[in-house]
Amino acid sequence: AASGKFDKVVGIDVSQQALDNGGLRFENELRENLLDRHLFSSNLPVAFRCGSGLSVLEPGEADIVCIAGMGSRTILDILSTRSSTSGAFLLDELGCQSLIL
């Protein structure tokens, strides 16, 4: 988000404590970076959400998904999760164009 390569970045973790610790540190560094470059805005292009896998994203919200920092079983569980409403794979329902593992 700070590089300007993405309009918005969403960080997701199952641990609220991990988000509070890492997310707050990242948000402060991002603010400082933007202030140094005189690009500060009250609407930061990053959001942090507590949840499991892709379930906290809305359809069409993500063009690219990066799944990292976990074991292969967890990654496979995330990729094989189906929507509770449509039955489609969440990754397909989200309309993602790219997946980075």
C-alpha atoms as a PDB file:
ATOM      1  CA  ALA A   1       0.000   0.000   0.000  1.00  0.00           C
ATOM      2  CA  ALA A   2       2.780   2.445   0.848  1.00  0.00           C
ATOM      3  CA  SER A   3       4.477   1.846  -2.501  1.00  0.00           C
ATOM      4  CA  GLY A   4       1.419   3.003  -4.400  1.00  0.00           C
ATOM      5  CA  LYS A   5       1.274  -0.209  -6.460  1.00  0.00           C
ATOM      6  CA  PHE A   6      -2.135  -1.126  -5.026  1.00  0.00           C
ATOM      7  CA  ASP A   7      -5.215   0.989  -4.406  1.00  0.00           C
ATOM      8  CA  LYS A   8      -6.067  -0.956  -1.269  1.00  0.00           C
ATOM      9  CA  VAL A   9      -4.562  -3.804   0.746  1.00  0.00           C
ATOM     10  CA  VAL A  10      -6.471  -6.002   3.205  1.00  0.00           C
ATOM     11  CA  GLY A  11      -4.579  -7.959   5.848  1.00  0.00           C
ATOM     12  CA  ILE A  12      -6.447 -10.918   7.358  1.00  0.00           C
ATOM     13  CA  ASP A  13      -5.535 -13.072  10.354  1.00  0.00           C
ATOM     14  CA  VAL A  14      -7.476 -15.418  12.630  1.00  0.00           C
ATOM     15  CA  SER A  15      -5.800 -13.803  15.651  1.00  0.00           C
ATOM     16  CA  GLN A  16      -7.077 -10.396  16.708  1.00  0.00           C
ATOM     17  CA  GLN A  17      -3.983  -9.979  18.890  1.00  0.00           C
ATOM     18  CA  ALA A  18      -1.682 -10.550  15.896  1.00  0.00           C
ATOM     19  CA  LEU A  19      -3.620  -7.956  13.919  1.00  0.00           C
ATOM     20  CA  ASP A  20      -3.506  -5.483  16.788  1.00  0.00           C
ATOM     21  CA  ASN A  21       0.255  -5.890  17.167  1.00  0.00           C
ATOM     22  CA  GLY A  22       1.366  -6.145  13.526  1.00  0.00           C
ATOM     23  CA  GLY A  23      -1.402  -4.063  12.013  1.00  0.00           C
ATOM     24  CA  LEU A  24      -0.897  -1.103  14.300  1.00  0.00           C
ATOM     25  CA  ARG A  25       2.867  -1.150  13.731  1.00  0.00           C
ATOM     26  CA  PHE A  26       2.370  -1.294   9.950  1.00  0.00           C
ATOM     27  CA  GLU A  27      -0.247   1.459  10.027  1.00  0.00           C
ATOM     28  CA  ASN A  28       2.095   3.758  11.982  1.00  0.00           C
ATOM     29  CA  GLU A  29       4.979   3.070   9.562  1.00  0.00           C
ATOM     30  CA  LEU A  30       2.680   3.719   6.602  1.00  0.00           C
ATOM     31  CA  ARG A  31       1.523   7.036   8.070  1.00  0.00           C
ATOM     32  CA  GLU A  32       5.137   8.092   8.625  1.00  0.00           C
ATOM     33  CA  ASN A  33       6.083   7.088   5.069  1.00  0.00           C
ATOM     34  CA  LEU A  34       3.179   9.042   3.601  1.00  0.00           C
ATOM     35  CA  LEU A  35       3.888  12.056   5.807  1.00  0.00           C
ATOM     36  CA  ASP A  36       7.543  12.049   4.704  1.00  0.00           C
ATOM     37  CA  ARG A  37       6.403  12.072   1.076  1.00  0.00           C
ATOM     38  CA  HIS A  38       3.669  14.674   1.773  1.00  0.00           C
ATOM     39  CA  LEU A  39       1.012  12.222   0.636  1.00  0.00           C
ATOM     40  CA  PHE A  40      -0.828  11.767   3.921  1.00  0.00           C
ATOM     41  CA  SER A  41      -4.530  11.204   3.793  1.00  0.00           C
ATOM     42  CA  SER A  42      -6.883  10.318   6.624  1.00  0.00           C
ATOM     43  CA  ASN A  43      -8.073   7.359   4.514  1.00  0.00           C
ATOM     44  CA  LEU A  44      -5.209   4.889   4.533  1.00  0.00           C
ATOM     45  CA  PRO A  45      -5.256   2.321   1.708  1.00  0.00           C
ATOM     46  CA  VAL A  46      -4.938  -0.586   4.144  1.00  0.00           C
ATOM     47  CA  ALA A  47      -7.440  -2.447   6.289  1.00  0.00           C
ATOM     48  CA  PHE A  48      -7.010  -5.250   8.805  1.00  0.00           C
ATOM     49  CA  ARG A  49      -9.725  -7.843   9.443  1.00  0.00           C
ATOM     50  CA  CYS A  50     -10.000 -10.724  11.835  1.00  0.00           C
ATOM     51  CA  GLY A  51     -11.348 -13.870  10.240  1.00  0.00           C
ATOM     52  CA  SER A  52     -10.622 -17.219   8.709  1.00  0.00           C
ATOM     53  CA  GLY A  53      -9.188 -17.358   5.211  1.00  0.00           C
ATOM     54  CA  LEU A  54     -11.056 -15.473   2.520  1.00  0.00           C
ATOM     55  CA  SER A  55     -14.379 -15.426   4.362  1.00  0.00           C
ATOM     56  CA  VAL A  56     -14.079 -11.764   5.410  1.00  0.00           C
ATOM     57  CA  LEU A  57     -13.718 -10.509   1.824  1.00  0.00           C
ATOM     58  CA  GLU A  58     -16.686  -9.426  -0.281  1.00  0.00           C
ATOM     59  CA  PRO A  59     -17.214 -10.721  -3.842  1.00  0.00           C
ATOM     60  CA  GLY A  60     -15.221  -8.563  -6.257  1.00  0.00           C
ATOM     61  CA  GLU A  61     -13.184  -6.931  -3.479  1.00  0.00           C
ATOM     62  CA  ALA A  62      -9.860  -8.617  -4.322  1.00  0.00           C
ATOM     63  CA  ASP A  63      -8.084  -8.821  -7.668  1.00  0.00           C
ATOM     64  CA  ILE A  64      -5.067 -10.616  -6.203  1.00  0.00           C
ATOM     65  CA  VAL A  65      -4.829 -12.922  -3.190  1.00  0.00           C
ATOM     66  CA  CYS A  66      -1.519 -13.686  -1.479  1.00  0.00           C
ATOM     67  CA  ILE A  67      -1.588 -16.593   0.967  1.00  0.00           C
ATOM     68  CA  ALA A  68       1.593 -16.854   3.028  1.00  0.00           C
ATOM     69  CA  GLY A  69       3.031 -17.674   6.418  1.00  0.00           C
ATOM     70  CA  MET A  70       1.141 -20.899   7.072  1.00  0.00           C
ATOM     71  CA  GLY A  71       1.382 -24.600   6.398  1.00  0.00           C
ATOM     72  CA  SER A  72       0.249 -26.375   3.256  1.00  0.00           C
ATOM     73  CA  ARG A  73      -2.812 -27.939   4.935  1.00  0.00           C
ATOM     74  CA  THR A  74      -4.074 -24.542   6.041  1.00  0.00           C
ATOM     75  CA  ILE A  75      -3.524 -23.120   2.557  1.00  0.00           C
ATOM     76  CA  LEU A  76      -5.400 -26.058   1.010  1.00  0.00           C
ATOM     77  CA  ASP A  77      -8.244 -25.558   3.500  1.00  0.00           C
ATOM     78  CA  ILE A  78      -8.490 -21.893   2.493  1.00  0.00           C
ATOM     79  CA  LEU A  79      -8.445 -22.711  -1.221  1.00  0.00           C
ATOM     80  CA  SER A  80     -11.049 -25.461  -0.886  1.00  0.00           C
ATOM     81  CA  THR A  81     -13.512 -23.442   1.219  1.00  0.00           C
ATOM     82  CA  ARG A  82     -16.888 -23.010  -0.422  1.00  0.00           C
ATOM     83  CA  SER A  83     -19.366 -20.166   0.040  1.00  0.00           C
ATOM     84  CA  SER A  84     -22.151 -20.963   2.479  1.00  0.00           C
ATOM     85  CA  THR A  85     -24.662 -19.203   0.218  1.00  0.00           C
ATOM     86  CA  SER A  86     -23.727 -20.163  -3.346  1.00  0.00           C
ATOM     87  CA  GLY A  87     -21.629 -23.282  -2.801  1.00  0.00           C
ATOM     88  CA  ALA A  88     -18.936 -21.895  -5.134  1.00  0.00           C
ATOM     89  CA  PHE A  89     -15.292 -21.880  -4.109  1.00  0.00           C
ATOM     90  CA  LEU A  90     -14.663 -18.599  -2.264  1.00  0.00           C
ATOM     91  CA  LEU A  91     -11.701 -17.810  -4.505  1.00  0.00           C
ATOM     92  CA  ASP A  92     -13.955 -18.068  -7.586  1.00  0.00           C
ATOM     93  CA  GLU A  93     -16.781 -16.143  -5.944  1.00  0.00           C
ATOM     94  CA  LEU A  94     -14.425 -13.293  -5.066  1.00  0.00           C
ATOM     95  CA  GLY A  95     -13.537 -12.899  -8.753  1.00  0.00           C
ATOM     96  CA  CYS A  96      -9.772 -12.951  -8.149  1.00  0.00           C
ATOM     97  CA  GLN A  97      -7.590 -12.786 -11.218  1.00  0.00           C
ATOM     98  CA  SER A  98      -4.345 -13.873  -9.532  1.00  0.00           C
ATOM     99  CA  LEU A  99      -3.228 -16.085  -6.678  1.00  0.00           C
ATOM    100  CA  ILE A 100       0.210 -15.854  -5.074  1.00  0.00           C
ATOM    101  CA  LEU A 101       1.390 -18.681  -2.809  1.00  0.00           C
END
